[in-house]
Each structure stands twice: as structure tokens, then as C-alpha cells.
Protein backbone atom coordinates (compact mmCIF):
# COMPACT_ATOMS: atom_id res chain seq x y z
CA UNK A 1 -0.05 0.10 0.05
CA UNK A 2 2.81 2.36 0.93
CA UNK A 3 4.62 1.63 -2.31
CA UNK A 4 1.44 2.37 -4.39
CA UNK A 5 1.11 5.78 -2.61
CA UNK A 6 4.69 6.67 -3.09
CA UNK A 7 4.49 5.71 -6.84
CA UNK A 8 1.40 7.72 -7.24
CA UNK A 9 2.95 10.69 -5.52
CA UNK A 10 6.00 10.49 -7.78
CA UNK A 11 3.82 10.19 -10.85
CA UNK A 12 1.83 13.43 -9.79
CA UNK A 13 5.10 15.17 -9.17
CA UNK A 14 6.50 14.26 -12.62
CA UNK A 15 3.12 15.18 -14.37
CA UNK A 16 3.14 18.63 -12.55
CA UNK A 17 6.66 19.28 -13.54
CA UNK A 18 6.03 18.38 -17.21
CA UNK A 19 2.93 20.64 -17.28
CA UNK A 20 4.84 23.51 -15.77
CA UNK A 21 7.68 22.98 -18.29
CA UNK A 22 5.16 23.06 -21.17
CA UNK A 23 3.55 26.36 -19.94
CA UNK A 24 7.05 27.80 -19.62
CA UNK A 25 8.08 26.91 -23.12
CA UNK A 26 4.78 28.33 -24.43
CA UNK A 27 5.44 31.69 -22.76
CA UNK A 28 9.03 31.70 -24.05
CA UNK A 29 7.82 31.05 -27.56
CA UNK A 30 5.41 33.89 -27.45
CA UNK A 31 8.15 36.32 -26.26
CA UNK A 32 10.26 35.19 -29.22
CA UNK A 33 7.42 36.02 -31.58
CA UNK A 34 7.54 39.64 -30.66
CA UNK A 35 8.96 41.79 -33.49
CA UNK A 36 11.18 44.84 -33.04
CA UNK A 37 11.90 47.14 -35.96
CA UNK A 38 14.31 50.01 -36.03
CA UNK A 39 13.84 52.54 -38.72
CA UNK A 40 16.67 54.86 -39.70
CA UNK A 41 15.29 58.01 -41.39
CA UNK A 42 18.59 59.46 -42.51
CA UNK A 43 18.35 57.81 -45.84
CA UNK A 44 14.63 58.10 -46.52
CA UNK A 45 14.28 61.72 -45.36
CA UNK A 46 17.46 63.30 -46.77
CA UNK A 47 15.56 66.30 -48.08
CA UNK A 48 13.71 67.06 -44.87
CA UNK A 49 15.63 69.95 -43.47
CA UNK A 50 15.42 71.61 -40.06
CA UNK A 51 16.76 75.01 -39.46
CA UNK A 52 20.45 73.99 -39.94
CA UNK A 53 20.12 70.82 -41.97
CA UNK A 54 18.72 67.27 -41.77
CA UNK A 55 17.65 65.63 -38.47
CA UNK A 56 17.98 61.93 -38.81
CA UNK A 57 16.15 59.70 -36.34
CA UNK A 58 16.06 56.02 -35.22
CA UNK A 59 12.51 55.00 -34.65
CA UNK A 60 12.01 51.74 -32.62
CA UNK A 61 8.80 49.94 -33.12
CA UNK A 62 7.94 46.84 -31.02
CA UNK A 63 4.89 44.81 -31.85
CA UNK A 64 3.43 47.67 -33.86
CA UNK A 65 3.88 50.26 -31.06
CA UNK A 66 6.38 53.11 -31.08
CA UNK A 67 8.83 52.37 -28.28
CA UNK A 68 11.51 54.96 -28.70
CA UNK A 69 12.61 57.70 -31.04
CA UNK A 70 16.20 58.68 -30.89
CA UNK A 71 17.53 61.81 -32.51
CA UNK A 72 20.93 61.24 -34.23
CA UNK A 73 23.87 63.56 -35.04
CA UNK A 74 22.75 66.77 -36.62
CA UNK A 75 23.67 70.43 -37.03
CA UNK A 76 20.75 72.04 -35.19
CA UNK A 77 21.27 74.35 -32.27
CA UNK A 78 21.16 72.24 -29.04
CA UNK A 79 18.67 74.63 -27.33
CA UNK A 80 16.26 74.59 -30.12
CA UNK A 81 16.49 70.83 -30.69
CA UNK A 82 15.99 70.15 -27.09
CA UNK A 83 12.80 72.25 -27.10
CA UNK A 84 11.48 70.49 -30.24
CA UNK A 85 12.21 67.04 -29.07
CA UNK A 86 10.74 67.65 -25.61
CA UNK A 87 7.49 68.77 -27.25
CA UNK A 88 7.19 66.42 -30.27
CA UNK A 89 8.61 63.04 -29.32
CA UNK A 90 6.35 62.27 -26.29
CA UNK A 91 3.32 62.58 -28.49
CA UNK A 92 4.45 59.59 -30.45
CA UNK A 93 5.81 57.24 -27.79
CA UNK A 94 3.40 54.45 -26.87
CA UNK A 95 1.18 54.91 -29.93
CA UNK A 96 0.58 52.29 -32.62
CA UNK A 97 1.83 53.04 -36.03
CA UNK A 98 -1.64 53.58 -37.30
CA UNK A 99 -2.43 56.01 -34.35
CA UNK A 100 0.88 57.89 -34.99
CA UNK A 101 0.05 58.23 -38.74
CA UNK A 102 -3.23 60.01 -37.90
CA UNK A 103 -1.64 62.18 -35.16
CA UNK A 104 -1.52 65.96 -35.71
CA UNK A 105 1.15 66.84 -33.25
CA UNK A 106 1.89 70.11 -31.54
CA UNK A 107 5.11 71.85 -32.41
CA UNK A 108 7.52 73.77 -30.06
CA UNK A 109 7.11 77.41 -30.07
CA UNK A 110 10.41 79.02 -31.12
CA UNK A 111 11.65 75.85 -32.61
CA UNK A 112 9.28 75.54 -35.57
CA UNK A 113 11.69 74.38 -38.23
CA UNK A 114 13.18 71.73 -35.97
CA UNK A 115 9.84 70.53 -34.88
CA UNK A 116 8.55 70.28 -38.44
CA UNK A 117 11.59 68.43 -39.57
CA UNK A 118 11.23 65.97 -36.75
CA UNK A 119 7.57 65.42 -37.44
CA UNK A 120 8.20 64.94 -41.17
CA UNK A 121 11.02 62.43 -40.34
CA UNK A 122 8.83 60.46 -38.09
CA UNK A 123 5.99 60.37 -40.66
CA UNK A 124 8.33 59.14 -43.41
CA UNK A 125 9.71 56.57 -41.04
CA UNK A 126 6.24 55.35 -40.20
CA UNK A 127 5.46 55.05 -43.91
CA UNK A 128 8.50 52.88 -44.29
CA UNK A 129 7.40 50.71 -41.26
CA UNK A 130 3.93 50.38 -42.63
CA UNK A 131 5.21 49.27 -46.02
CA UNK A 132 7.45 46.76 -44.49
CA UNK A 133 4.74 45.17 -42.34
CA UNK A 134 2.29 45.22 -45.32
CA UNK A 135 4.64 43.56 -47.68
CA UNK A 136 5.33 40.82 -45.03
CA UNK A 137 1.68 40.13 -44.49
CA UNK A 138 1.12 40.08 -48.30
CA UNK A 139 3.92 37.50 -48.71
CA UNK A 140 2.31 35.33 -45.95
CA UNK A 141 -1.15 35.64 -47.68
CA UNK A 142 0.42 34.63 -51.01
CA UNK A 143 2.07 31.66 -49.42
CA UNK A 144 -1.14 30.42 -47.81
CA UNK A 145 -2.91 30.76 -51.20
CA UNK A 146 -0.13 28.78 -52.99
CA UNK A 147 -0.36 26.07 -50.28
CA UNK A 148 -4.06 25.75 -50.80
CA UNK A 149 -3.66 25.40 -54.60
CA UNK A 150 -1.19 22.58 -54.21
CA UNK A 151 -3.73 20.56 -52.18
């Protein structure tokens, strides 16, 4: 009788461990499925000029949500650039790409050229992000259609 109880307890322990391991693997695979995209606007927005020249950005998008916007090396006056970034960038952080595309952001008073350039860079970057995700989803849809035809 004691052997049966001990064996049953061991079996329950093993089954519980296997179940926990399966749930952990499932969570890990979900986190691997997240997509992060960093868009560099220096190449796509070369003609977008602030007061003293282009203002290239790195826009980080994670799972379709804007996570960070980093202003890269530029020739803008630090004071004006600081004003513009403090006013414009927080309006985009945390928004989905679709929400950000529809956004009509406020600009920083006294840093109009810099603000406008940052906004145009962001919009061009978001267009780039949208086109990448659209082309990926179109490829997947075409692959599914091709698989159905083969059947």
C-alpha cells in the first residue's frame, strides 16, 4: 500500500513538472514571436531639413507600437533641438503606427523648423514601417494561397 502511494505521488510530481515546463516553453515562444523594428530616417528623409540641416532619427517599433525615437547627430542648435524633441517626441511614444500616422502633433514654439523636420522624419519613417509590415503580410497571404492550390 505504501509503495502504491509513493509511486502515485512520484507520478503526480512528474506530471506537474511536465505541465509547468510546457507552460514555460509556451510563454518563451510567445516572447520570441515579438517583433522589433528600428527605422533609420537618415536615408529616406534626406531632403527634410530643419533650421540647420537634416535631423536623422532612429524609430524603434516593437509589436506595432512606437517604443522609442532617438535623434541622431545633426547640425541643429542644441537649445532649439531640445525644445523641439521635448515637445514632439512624447506625443508619439506608446502609440501604434496607425495611431501615430493620424496624429496631428503640436510643435514647439520658437523651434518651428526643428519641430517640423522631426515630425516629417517620423511620418516618413512610419510610412517605411507600414510598407515593411504590409509587404510581409502580403507575402504570408500569398504563401497560404499557394499552399491551398497545391492541395
